[in-house]
Amino acid sequence: MKRVHVLEFEDLAWFPGWLRDAMTNVLVVLARVIGVMPTLAALVGRVLREHALDRVVDLGSGGGGVMPDVLTELRKDPQMKDVKLTMTDLRPNAAAVARFRDDGDDRTEYLGDPVDATDLANAPGGLKTIVNAFHHMRPAQAEKILASAQHSGQPLLVYEMGENKMPFVVWCLALPISLPFVALSSLVLTLMVRPLTARQLVLTYLLPLVPLFYAWDGQASMPRLYTFEDLDVLLSRLEPTDAYTWEKGHAETPSGRKLGTYLLGVPTTSS
């Protein structure tokens, strides 16, 4: 595989959740700025229509991520206005659970009970999504997730807004330039975080932990991304079946620009 499992601090058990959430807030703003929301909304909407689904079940939602914004975009379509979003995680974010419970939107929820992406037969019904999180999975775990979707006949959409194109040696050599650039960009993106809390400001400008860890983890995620060839390796290890099909490709913005990659698995017969 081309993929290299470089250290990301947010994967470490001791890494503070409040710092991880602050970094995620900046990532959501970046996704909004580069056009991920309408791009992913169009992709999700296509799958919902083709398979007569009315619920998205996001896996590995963490602090919420981009999916609430994606569903807001999707619901602009009158035919999609009632689509529901259920966010889940193996270790649910208590603050996010409370926030979405109290937001007054009965179409959006965050489950307080753990949901294991490697056991999708026991997950809530609907289109399962893994957004900007599949690269956190080592190959053995990634294979289990794909196998679980196929075995249980659950539709699964994996999306990453980046792409692993750069040779690993070049990635290493570019770090002295890329790390300061990404850290500085977080100083600008933070101003667009909503709601912009005192904690977010302090962790960015007074005690700059967000720029430091956001820069490293953001760059470390790039060689971790599964290429199309890597995905082929994972899929080749699954049990052959005619009851489930896989599709992969580049997601496209409304203007036709490529923005990220996706892997879609769907049952070919009623489950």
C-alpha atoms as a PDB file:
ATOM      1  CA  MET A   1       0.000   0.000   0.000  1.00  0.00           C
ATOM      2  CA  LYS A   2       1.048   3.572  -0.612  1.00  0.00           C
ATOM      3  CA  ARG A   3      -0.617   4.610   2.667  1.00  0.00           C
ATOM      4  CA  VAL A   4       1.735   5.343   5.591  1.00  0.00           C
ATOM      5  CA  HIS A   5       0.338   5.417   9.126  1.00  0.00           C
ATOM      6  CA  VAL A   6       2.025   8.596  10.360  1.00  0.00           C
ATOM      7  CA  LEU A   7       1.356   9.611  13.985  1.00  0.00           C
ATOM      8  CA  GLU A   8      -1.676  11.844  14.552  1.00  0.00           C
ATOM      9  CA  PHE A   9      -1.908  13.223  18.064  1.00  0.00           C
ATOM     10  CA  GLU A  10      -5.712  13.227  18.130  1.00  0.00           C
ATOM     11  CA  ASP A  11      -5.674   9.415  17.859  1.00  0.00           C
ATOM     12  CA  LEU A  12      -3.800   9.075  21.145  1.00  0.00           C
ATOM     13  CA  ALA A  13      -5.861   8.060  24.175  1.00  0.00           C
ATOM     14  CA  TRP A  14      -4.367  10.788  26.380  1.00  0.00           C
ATOM     15  CA  PHE A  15      -5.027  13.621  23.913  1.00  0.00           C
ATOM     16  CA  PRO A  16      -7.562  16.040  25.487  1.00  0.00           C
ATOM     17  CA  GLY A  17     -11.035  15.957  24.001  1.00  0.00           C
ATOM     18  CA  TRP A  18     -11.447  19.730  24.377  1.00  0.00           C
ATOM     19  CA  LEU A  19      -8.364  20.304  22.223  1.00  0.00           C
ATOM     20  CA  ARG A  20      -9.510  17.740  19.653  1.00  0.00           C
ATOM     21  CA  ASP A  21     -12.871  19.522  19.411  1.00  0.00           C
ATOM     22  CA  ALA A  22     -11.169  22.901  18.922  1.00  0.00           C
ATOM     23  CA  MET A  23      -9.122  21.450  16.069  1.00  0.00           C
ATOM     24  CA  THR A  24     -12.242  19.898  14.519  1.00  0.00           C
ATOM     25  CA  ASN A  25     -13.942  23.302  14.611  1.00  0.00           C
ATOM     26  CA  VAL A  26     -11.203  24.690  12.374  1.00  0.00           C
ATOM     27  CA  LEU A  27     -11.402  21.677  10.051  1.00  0.00           C
ATOM     28  CA  VAL A  28     -15.147  22.241   9.617  1.00  0.00           C
ATOM     29  CA  VAL A  29     -14.494  25.857   8.612  1.00  0.00           C
ATOM     30  CA  LEU A  30     -11.868  24.697   6.088  1.00  0.00           C
ATOM     31  CA  ALA A  31     -14.372  22.222   4.630  1.00  0.00           C
ATOM     32  CA  ARG A  32     -16.929  25.005   4.324  1.00  0.00           C
ATOM     33  CA  VAL A  33     -14.451  27.373   2.649  1.00  0.00           C
ATOM     34  CA  ILE A  34     -13.270  24.912  -0.008  1.00  0.00           C
ATOM     35  CA  GLY A  35     -16.794  23.743  -0.863  1.00  0.00           C
ATOM     36  CA  VAL A  36     -17.125  20.342   0.788  1.00  0.00           C
ATOM     37  CA  MET A  37     -20.705  20.899   2.021  1.00  0.00           C
ATOM     38  CA  PRO A  38     -22.487  21.178  -1.372  1.00  0.00           C
ATOM     39  CA  THR A  39     -20.141  18.594  -2.891  1.00  0.00           C
ATOM     40  CA  LEU A  40     -20.868  15.973  -0.260  1.00  0.00           C
ATOM     41  CA  ALA A  41     -24.567  16.926  -0.098  1.00  0.00           C
ATOM     42  CA  ALA A  42     -24.907  16.164  -3.811  1.00  0.00           C
ATOM     43  CA  LEU A  43     -23.189  12.799  -3.388  1.00  0.00           C
ATOM     44  CA  VAL A  44     -25.266  11.847  -0.342  1.00  0.00           C
ATOM     45  CA  GLY A  45     -28.460  13.011  -2.035  1.00  0.00           C
ATOM     46  CA  ARG A  46     -27.737  10.849  -5.066  1.00  0.00           C
ATOM     47  CA  VAL A  47     -27.369   7.734  -2.927  1.00  0.00           C
ATOM     48  CA  LEU A  48     -30.488   8.484  -0.867  1.00  0.00           C
ATOM     49  CA  ARG A  49     -32.584   8.889  -4.011  1.00  0.00           C
ATOM     50  CA  GLU A  50     -31.225   5.823  -5.791  1.00  0.00           C
ATOM     51  CA  HIS A  51     -31.839   3.580  -2.770  1.00  0.00           C
ATOM     52  CA  ALA A  52     -35.017   5.186  -1.367  1.00  0.00           C
ATOM     53  CA  LEU A  53     -33.416   6.094   1.970  1.00  0.00           C
ATOM     54  CA  ASP A  54     -34.445   8.907   4.289  1.00  0.00           C
ATOM     55  CA  ARG A  55     -31.777   8.743   7.003  1.00  0.00           C
ATOM     56  CA  VAL A  56     -28.029   9.315   7.161  1.00  0.00           C
ATOM     57  CA  VAL A  57     -26.177   7.548   9.961  1.00  0.00           C
ATOM     58  CA  ASP A  58     -22.776   9.148  10.407  1.00  0.00           C
ATOM     59  CA  LEU A  59     -20.068   6.967  11.958  1.00  0.00           C
ATOM     60  CA  GLY A  60     -17.156   8.363  13.955  1.00  0.00           C
ATOM     61  CA  SER A  61     -18.876  11.731  14.331  1.00  0.00           C
ATOM     62  CA  GLY A  62     -16.623  12.965  17.151  1.00  0.00           C
ATOM     63  CA  GLY A  63     -17.699  16.486  18.064  1.00  0.00           C
ATOM     64  CA  GLY A  64     -20.165  16.641  15.165  1.00  0.00           C
ATOM     65  CA  GLY A  65     -17.906  17.263  12.179  1.00  0.00           C
ATOM     66  CA  VAL A  66     -19.191  18.461   8.824  1.00  0.00           C
ATOM     67  CA  MET A  67     -22.312  16.322   8.524  1.00  0.00           C
ATOM     68  CA  PRO A  68     -24.749  18.742  10.222  1.00  0.00           C
ATOM     69  CA  ASP A  69     -23.731  21.410   7.684  1.00  0.00           C
ATOM     70  CA  VAL A  70     -23.944  18.866   4.852  1.00  0.00           C
ATOM     71  CA  LEU A  71     -27.501  17.942   5.846  1.00  0.00           C
ATOM     72  CA  THR A  72     -28.441  21.621   6.063  1.00  0.00           C
ATOM     73  CA  GLU A  73     -27.231  21.958   2.480  1.00  0.00           C
ATOM     74  CA  LEU A  74     -29.005  18.782   1.395  1.00  0.00           C
ATOM     75  CA  ARG A  75     -32.312  19.890   2.918  1.00  0.00           C
ATOM     76  CA  LYS A  76     -32.397  22.919   0.624  1.00  0.00           C
ATOM     77  CA  ASP A  77     -33.751  20.452  -1.917  1.00  0.00           C
ATOM     78  CA  PRO A  78     -37.521  20.229  -1.235  1.00  0.00           C
ATOM     79  CA  GLN A  79     -37.402  16.470  -1.840  1.00  0.00           C
ATOM     80  CA  MET A  80     -34.726  16.111   0.848  1.00  0.00           C
ATOM     81  CA  LYS A  81     -36.121  18.497   3.490  1.00  0.00           C
ATOM     82  CA  ASP A  82     -37.151  15.680   5.839  1.00  0.00           C
ATOM     83  CA  VAL A  83     -33.979  13.599   5.643  1.00  0.00           C
ATOM     84  CA  LYS A  84     -32.809  12.709   9.136  1.00  0.00           C
ATOM     85  CA  LEU A  85     -29.249  12.686  10.458  1.00  0.00           C
ATOM     86  CA  THR A  86     -28.123  10.359  13.236  1.00  0.00           C
ATOM     87  CA  MET A  87     -24.565  10.940  14.446  1.00  0.00           C
ATOM     88  CA  THR A  88     -22.733   8.143  16.236  1.00  0.00           C
ATOM     89  CA  ASP A  89     -19.343   7.254  17.618  1.00  0.00           C
ATOM     90  CA  LEU A  90     -17.648   4.348  19.355  1.00  0.00           C
ATOM     91  CA  ARG A  91     -16.942   6.850  22.135  1.00  0.00           C
ATOM     92  CA  PRO A  92     -19.775   9.396  21.892  1.00  0.00           C
ATOM     93  CA  ASN A  93     -18.849  13.031  22.568  1.00  0.00           C
ATOM     94  CA  ALA A  94     -20.968  13.951  25.611  1.00  0.00           C
ATOM     95  CA  ALA A  95     -20.941  17.681  24.856  1.00  0.00           C
ATOM     96  CA  ALA A  96     -22.062  17.064  21.269  1.00  0.00           C
ATOM     97  CA  VAL A  97     -24.780  14.660  22.406  1.00  0.00           C
ATOM     98  CA  ALA A  98     -26.171  17.375  24.711  1.00  0.00           C
ATOM     99  CA  ARG A  99     -25.815  20.128  22.099  1.00  0.00           C
ATOM    100  CA  PHE A 100     -27.779  18.305  19.423  1.00  0.00           C
ATOM    101  CA  ARG A 101     -30.349  17.058  21.932  1.00  0.00           C
ATOM    102  CA  ASP A 102     -31.126  20.652  22.902  1.00  0.00           C
ATOM    103  CA  ASP A 103     -30.959  22.313  19.464  1.00  0.00           C
ATOM    104  CA  GLY A 104     -34.667  21.913  18.759  1.00  0.00           C
ATOM    105  CA  ASP A 105     -34.240  20.080  15.425  1.00  0.00           C
ATOM    106  CA  ASP A 106     -35.934  16.689  15.677  1.00  0.00           C
ATOM    107  CA  ARG A 107     -34.392  15.667  12.340  1.00  0.00           C
ATOM    108  CA  THR A 108     -30.882  15.648  13.822  1.00  0.00           C
ATOM    109  CA  GLU A 109     -29.651  13.588  16.763  1.00  0.00           C
ATOM    110  CA  TYR A 110     -26.449  12.310  18.310  1.00  0.00           C
ATOM    111  CA  LEU A 111     -26.754   8.909  19.957  1.00  0.00           C
ATOM    112  CA  GLY A 112     -25.351   8.618  23.453  1.00  0.00           C
ATOM    113  CA  ASP A 113     -24.800   4.862  23.093  1.00  0.00           C
ATOM    114  CA  PRO A 114     -21.665   3.548  21.362  1.00  0.00           C
ATOM    115  CA  VAL A 115     -21.921   2.412  17.737  1.00  0.00           C
ATOM    116  CA  ASP A 116     -19.165   0.189  16.361  1.00  0.00           C
ATOM    117  CA  ALA A 117     -18.401   0.739  12.668  1.00  0.00           C
ATOM    118  CA  THR A 118     -17.090  -2.836  12.452  1.00  0.00           C
ATOM    119  CA  ASP A 119     -20.518  -4.167  13.509  1.00  0.00           C
ATOM    120  CA  LEU A 120     -22.913  -2.384  11.171  1.00  0.00           C
ATOM    121  CA  ALA A 121     -25.590  -5.061  11.456  1.00  0.00           C
ATOM    122  CA  ASN A 122     -26.393  -3.536  14.853  1.00  0.00           C
ATOM    123  CA  ALA A 123     -26.218   0.112  13.710  1.00  0.00           C
ATOM    124  CA  PRO A 124     -29.340   2.211  13.057  1.00  0.00           C
ATOM    125  CA  GLY A 125     -30.843   1.831   9.595  1.00  0.00           C
ATOM    126  CA  GLY A 126     -29.942   4.271   6.827  1.00  0.00           C
ATOM    127  CA  LEU A 127     -27.010   5.334   4.675  1.00  0.00           C
ATOM    128  CA  LYS A 128     -23.860   4.946   6.768  1.00  0.00           C
ATOM    129  CA  THR A 129     -21.217   7.631   6.237  1.00  0.00           C
ATOM    130  CA  ILE A 130     -17.601   7.955   7.318  1.00  0.00           C
ATOM    131  CA  VAL A 131     -16.440  11.478   6.536  1.00  0.00           C
ATOM    132  CA  ASN A 132     -12.784  12.548   6.817  1.00  0.00           C
ATOM    133  CA  ALA A 133     -12.214   9.731   9.309  1.00  0.00           C
ATOM    134  CA  PHE A 134     -11.446   6.550   7.345  1.00  0.00           C
ATOM    135  CA  HIS A 135      -7.748   7.464   7.258  1.00  0.00           C
ATOM    136  CA  HIS A 136      -7.665   7.034  11.043  1.00  0.00           C
ATOM    137  CA  MET A 137      -8.247   3.305  10.554  1.00  0.00           C
ATOM    138  CA  ARG A 138      -5.337   0.969  10.066  1.00  0.00           C
ATOM    139  CA  PRO A 139      -5.812  -1.478   7.172  1.00  0.00           C
ATOM    140  CA  ALA A 140      -7.059  -4.355   9.345  1.00  0.00           C
ATOM    141  CA  GLN A 141      -9.724  -2.178  10.947  1.00  0.00           C
ATOM    142  CA  ALA A 142     -10.641  -0.531   7.634  1.00  0.00           C
ATOM    143  CA  GLU A 143     -11.103  -3.978   6.102  1.00  0.00           C
ATOM    144  CA  LYS A 144     -13.400  -4.995   8.980  1.00  0.00           C
ATOM    145  CA  ILE A 145     -15.576  -1.934   8.402  1.00  0.00           C
ATOM    146  CA  LEU A 146     -15.932  -2.671   4.683  1.00  0.00           C
ATOM    147  CA  ALA A 147     -16.567  -6.356   5.379  1.00  0.00           C
ATOM    148  CA  SER A 148     -19.222  -5.479   7.956  1.00  0.00           C
ATOM    149  CA  ALA A 149     -21.063  -3.233   5.481  1.00  0.00           C
ATOM    150  CA  GLN A 150     -20.974  -5.879   2.761  1.00  0.00           C
ATOM    151  CA  HIS A 151     -21.888  -8.792   5.033  1.00  0.00           C
ATOM    152  CA  SER A 152     -24.833  -6.936   6.624  1.00  0.00           C
ATOM    153  CA  GLY A 153     -25.999  -5.398   3.348  1.00  0.00           C
ATOM    154  CA  GLN A 154     -25.720  -1.865   4.734  1.00  0.00           C
ATOM    155  CA  PRO A 155     -25.062   1.034   2.322  1.00  0.00           C
ATOM    156  CA  LEU A 156     -21.789   2.773   3.199  1.00  0.00           C
ATOM    157  CA  LEU A 157     -20.277   5.999   1.874  1.00  0.00           C
ATOM    158  CA  VAL A 158     -16.664   6.820   2.783  1.00  0.00           C
ATOM    159  CA  TYR A 159     -15.495  10.334   1.898  1.00  0.00           C
ATOM    160  CA  GLU A 160     -12.151  12.091   2.340  1.00  0.00           C
ATOM    161  CA  MET A 161     -11.735  15.708   1.267  1.00  0.00           C
ATOM    162  CA  GLY A 162      -8.011  15.211   0.620  1.00  0.00           C
ATOM    163  CA  GLU A 163      -6.115  12.878  -1.678  1.00  0.00           C
ATOM    164  CA  ASN A 164      -2.848  11.000  -1.201  1.00  0.00           C
ATOM    165  CA  LYS A 165      -0.931  11.984  -4.338  1.00  0.00           C
ATOM    166  CA  MET A 166       2.474  13.084  -3.035  1.00  0.00           C
ATOM    167  CA  PRO A 167       5.311  10.538  -2.694  1.00  0.00           C
ATOM    168  CA  PHE A 168       6.101  10.043   0.978  1.00  0.00           C
ATOM    169  CA  VAL A 169       9.679  11.299   0.616  1.00  0.00           C
ATOM    170  CA  VAL A 170       8.436  14.526  -0.978  1.00  0.00           C
ATOM    171  CA  TRP A 171       5.862  14.888   1.832  1.00  0.00           C
ATOM    172  CA  CYS A 172       8.679  14.663   4.391  1.00  0.00           C
ATOM    173  CA  LEU A 173      10.849  17.210   2.550  1.00  0.00           C
ATOM    174  CA  ALA A 174       7.910  19.642   2.261  1.00  0.00           C
ATOM    175  CA  LEU A 175       7.138  19.710   6.004  1.00  0.00           C
ATOM    176  CA  PRO A 176       9.303  22.789   6.788  1.00  0.00           C
ATOM    177  CA  ILE A 177       7.079  24.768   4.413  1.00  0.00           C
ATOM    178  CA  SER A 178       3.720  23.035   4.815  1.00  0.00           C
ATOM    179  CA  LEU A 179       3.595  23.016   8.616  1.00  0.00           C
ATOM    180  CA  PRO A 180       4.012  26.816   9.106  1.00  0.00           C
ATOM    181  CA  PHE A 181       1.562  27.468   6.253  1.00  0.00           C
ATOM    182  CA  VAL A 182      -1.153  25.266   7.782  1.00  0.00           C
ATOM    183  CA  ALA A 183      -0.541  26.673  11.262  1.00  0.00           C
ATOM    184  CA  LEU A 184      -0.906  30.233   9.962  1.00  0.00           C
ATOM    185  CA  SER A 185      -4.043  29.328   8.028  1.00  0.00           C
ATOM    186  CA  SER A 186      -5.661  28.157  11.261  1.00  0.00           C
ATOM    187  CA  LEU A 187      -5.269  31.683  12.673  1.00  0.00           C
ATOM    188  CA  VAL A 188      -7.504  32.972   9.877  1.00  0.00           C
ATOM    189  CA  LEU A 189      -9.953  30.061   9.833  1.00  0.00           C
ATOM    190  CA  THR A 190     -10.516  30.334  13.583  1.00  0.00           C
ATOM    191  CA  LEU A 191     -12.158  33.726  13.088  1.00  0.00           C
ATOM    192  CA  MET A 192     -14.924  31.943  11.122  1.00  0.00           C
ATOM    193  CA  VAL A 193     -15.649  29.284  13.769  1.00  0.00           C
ATOM    194  CA  ARG A 194     -19.254  29.466  14.999  1.00  0.00           C
ATOM    195  CA  PRO A 195     -19.901  29.708  17.832  1.00  0.00           C
ATOM    196  CA  LEU A 196     -16.519  31.306  18.521  1.00  0.00           C
ATOM    197  CA  THR A 197     -15.866  30.613  22.193  1.00  0.00           C
ATOM    198  CA  ALA A 198     -13.350  32.084  24.595  1.00  0.00           C
ATOM    199  CA  ARG A 199     -11.690  28.670  24.833  1.00  0.00           C
ATOM    200  CA  GLN A 200     -11.217  28.533  21.056  1.00  0.00           C
ATOM    201  CA  LEU A 201      -9.640  32.003  21.069  1.00  0.00           C
ATOM    202  CA  VAL A 202      -7.330  31.249  23.980  1.00  0.00           C
ATOM    203  CA  LEU A 203      -6.163  27.922  22.508  1.00  0.00           C
ATOM    204  CA  THR A 204      -5.462  29.607  19.183  1.00  0.00           C
ATOM    205  CA  TYR A 205      -3.985  33.012  19.958  1.00  0.00           C
ATOM    206  CA  LEU A 206      -2.839  33.091  23.595  1.00  0.00           C
ATOM    207  CA  LEU A 207      -1.779  29.489  24.088  1.00  0.00           C
ATOM    208  CA  PRO A 208      -1.406  28.382  20.440  1.00  0.00           C
ATOM    209  CA  LEU A 209      -2.047  24.665  20.868  1.00  0.00           C
ATOM    210  CA  VAL A 210      -4.633  24.558  18.083  1.00  0.00           C
ATOM    211  CA  PRO A 211      -2.272  25.880  15.360  1.00  0.00           C
ATOM    212  CA  LEU A 212       0.478  23.528  16.525  1.00  0.00           C
ATOM    213  CA  PHE A 213      -1.537  20.299  16.608  1.00  0.00           C
ATOM    214  CA  TYR A 214      -3.866  21.240  13.749  1.00  0.00           C
ATOM    215  CA  ALA A 215      -0.848  21.794  11.508  1.00  0.00           C
ATOM    216  CA  TRP A 216       0.809  18.498  12.395  1.00  0.00           C
ATOM    217  CA  ASP A 217      -2.298  16.320  12.332  1.00  0.00           C
ATOM    218  CA  GLY A 218      -3.514  17.998   9.153  1.00  0.00           C
ATOM    219  CA  GLN A 219      -0.275  17.187   7.378  1.00  0.00           C
ATOM    220  CA  ALA A 220       0.030  13.746   8.962  1.00  0.00           C
ATOM    221  CA  SER A 221      -3.381  12.809   7.594  1.00  0.00           C
ATOM    222  CA  MET A 222      -2.228  13.177   3.980  1.00  0.00           C
ATOM    223  CA  PRO A 223       0.023  10.086   3.708  1.00  0.00           C
ATOM    224  CA  ARG A 224      -2.562   8.179   5.761  1.00  0.00           C
ATOM    225  CA  LEU A 225      -5.260   8.574   3.104  1.00  0.00           C
ATOM    226  CA  TYR A 226      -6.143   5.408   1.209  1.00  0.00           C
ATOM    227  CA  THR A 227      -5.489   5.749  -2.521  1.00  0.00           C
ATOM    228  CA  PHE A 228      -7.797   4.081  -5.031  1.00  0.00           C
ATOM    229  CA  GLU A 229      -5.200   1.327  -5.389  1.00  0.00           C
ATOM    230  CA  ASP A 230      -5.099   0.885  -1.597  1.00  0.00           C
ATOM    231  CA  LEU A 231      -8.892   0.577  -1.546  1.00  0.00           C
ATOM    232  CA  ASP A 232      -8.672  -2.078  -4.251  1.00  0.00           C
ATOM    233  CA  VAL A 233      -6.346  -4.058  -1.988  1.00  0.00           C
ATOM    234  CA  LEU A 234      -8.828  -3.851   0.892  1.00  0.00           C
ATOM    235  CA  LEU A 235     -11.763  -4.803  -1.315  1.00  0.00           C
ATOM    236  CA  SER A 236      -9.863  -7.742  -2.815  1.00  0.00           C
ATOM    237  CA  ARG A 237      -9.700  -9.276   0.654  1.00  0.00           C
ATOM    238  CA  LEU A 238     -13.480  -9.356   1.036  1.00  0.00           C
ATOM    239  CA  GLU A 239     -15.537 -12.435   0.310  1.00  0.00           C
ATOM    240  CA  PRO A 240     -16.784 -12.304  -3.311  1.00  0.00           C
ATOM    241  CA  THR A 241     -20.532 -11.681  -3.630  1.00  0.00           C
ATOM    242  CA  ASP A 242     -23.058 -10.626  -6.257  1.00  0.00           C
ATOM    243  CA  ALA A 243     -25.336  -9.115  -3.603  1.00  0.00           C
ATOM    244  CA  TYR A 244     -23.192  -6.051  -2.941  1.00  0.00           C
ATOM    245  CA  THR A 245     -21.285  -3.681  -5.205  1.00  0.00           C
ATOM    246  CA  TRP A 246     -18.550  -1.106  -4.658  1.00  0.00           C
ATOM    247  CA  GLU A 247     -17.929   2.149  -6.530  1.00  0.00           C
ATOM    248  CA  LYS A 248     -15.093   4.604  -6.060  1.00  0.00           C
ATOM    249  CA  GLY A 249     -14.192   7.927  -7.619  1.00  0.00           C
ATOM    250  CA  HIS A 250     -13.645  11.641  -7.199  1.00  0.00           C
ATOM    251  CA  ALA A 251     -16.394  13.751  -5.715  1.00  0.00           C
ATOM    252  CA  GLU A 252     -17.153  16.865  -7.739  1.00  0.00           C
ATOM    253  CA  THR A 253     -18.268  20.356  -6.812  1.00  0.00           C
ATOM    254  CA  PRO A 254     -21.343  21.841  -8.547  1.00  0.00           C
ATOM    255  CA  SER A 255     -18.920  23.488 -10.996  1.00  0.00           C
ATOM    256  CA  GLY A 256     -17.301  20.146 -11.858  1.00  0.00           C
ATOM    257  CA  ARG A 257     -14.072  20.592  -9.889  1.00  0.00           C
ATOM    258  CA  LYS A 258     -12.738  17.434  -8.224  1.00  0.00           C
ATOM    259  CA  LEU A 259     -12.864  17.686  -4.439  1.00  0.00           C
ATOM    260  CA  GLY A 260     -11.878  14.609  -2.499  1.00  0.00           C
ATOM    261  CA  THR A 261     -12.480  10.924  -3.064  1.00  0.00           C
ATOM    262  CA  TYR A 262     -15.246   8.529  -2.140  1.00  0.00           C
ATOM    263  CA  LEU A 263     -15.906   4.821  -1.806  1.00  0.00           C
ATOM    264  CA  LEU A 264     -19.537   3.729  -1.980  1.00  0.00           C
ATOM    265  CA  GLY A 265     -20.843   0.278  -1.152  1.00  0.00           C
ATOM    266  CA  VAL A 266     -24.493  -0.659  -1.709  1.00  0.00           C
ATOM    267  CA  PRO A 267     -26.523  -3.868  -1.690  1.00  0.00           C
ATOM    268  CA  THR A 268     -27.688  -5.049  -5.091  1.00  0.00           C
ATOM    269  CA  THR A 269     -30.617  -6.935  -3.600  1.00  0.00           C
ATOM    270  CA  SER A 270     -33.019  -6.060  -0.797  1.00  0.00           C
ATOM    271  CA  SER A 271     -31.464  -6.754   2.576  1.00  0.00           C
END
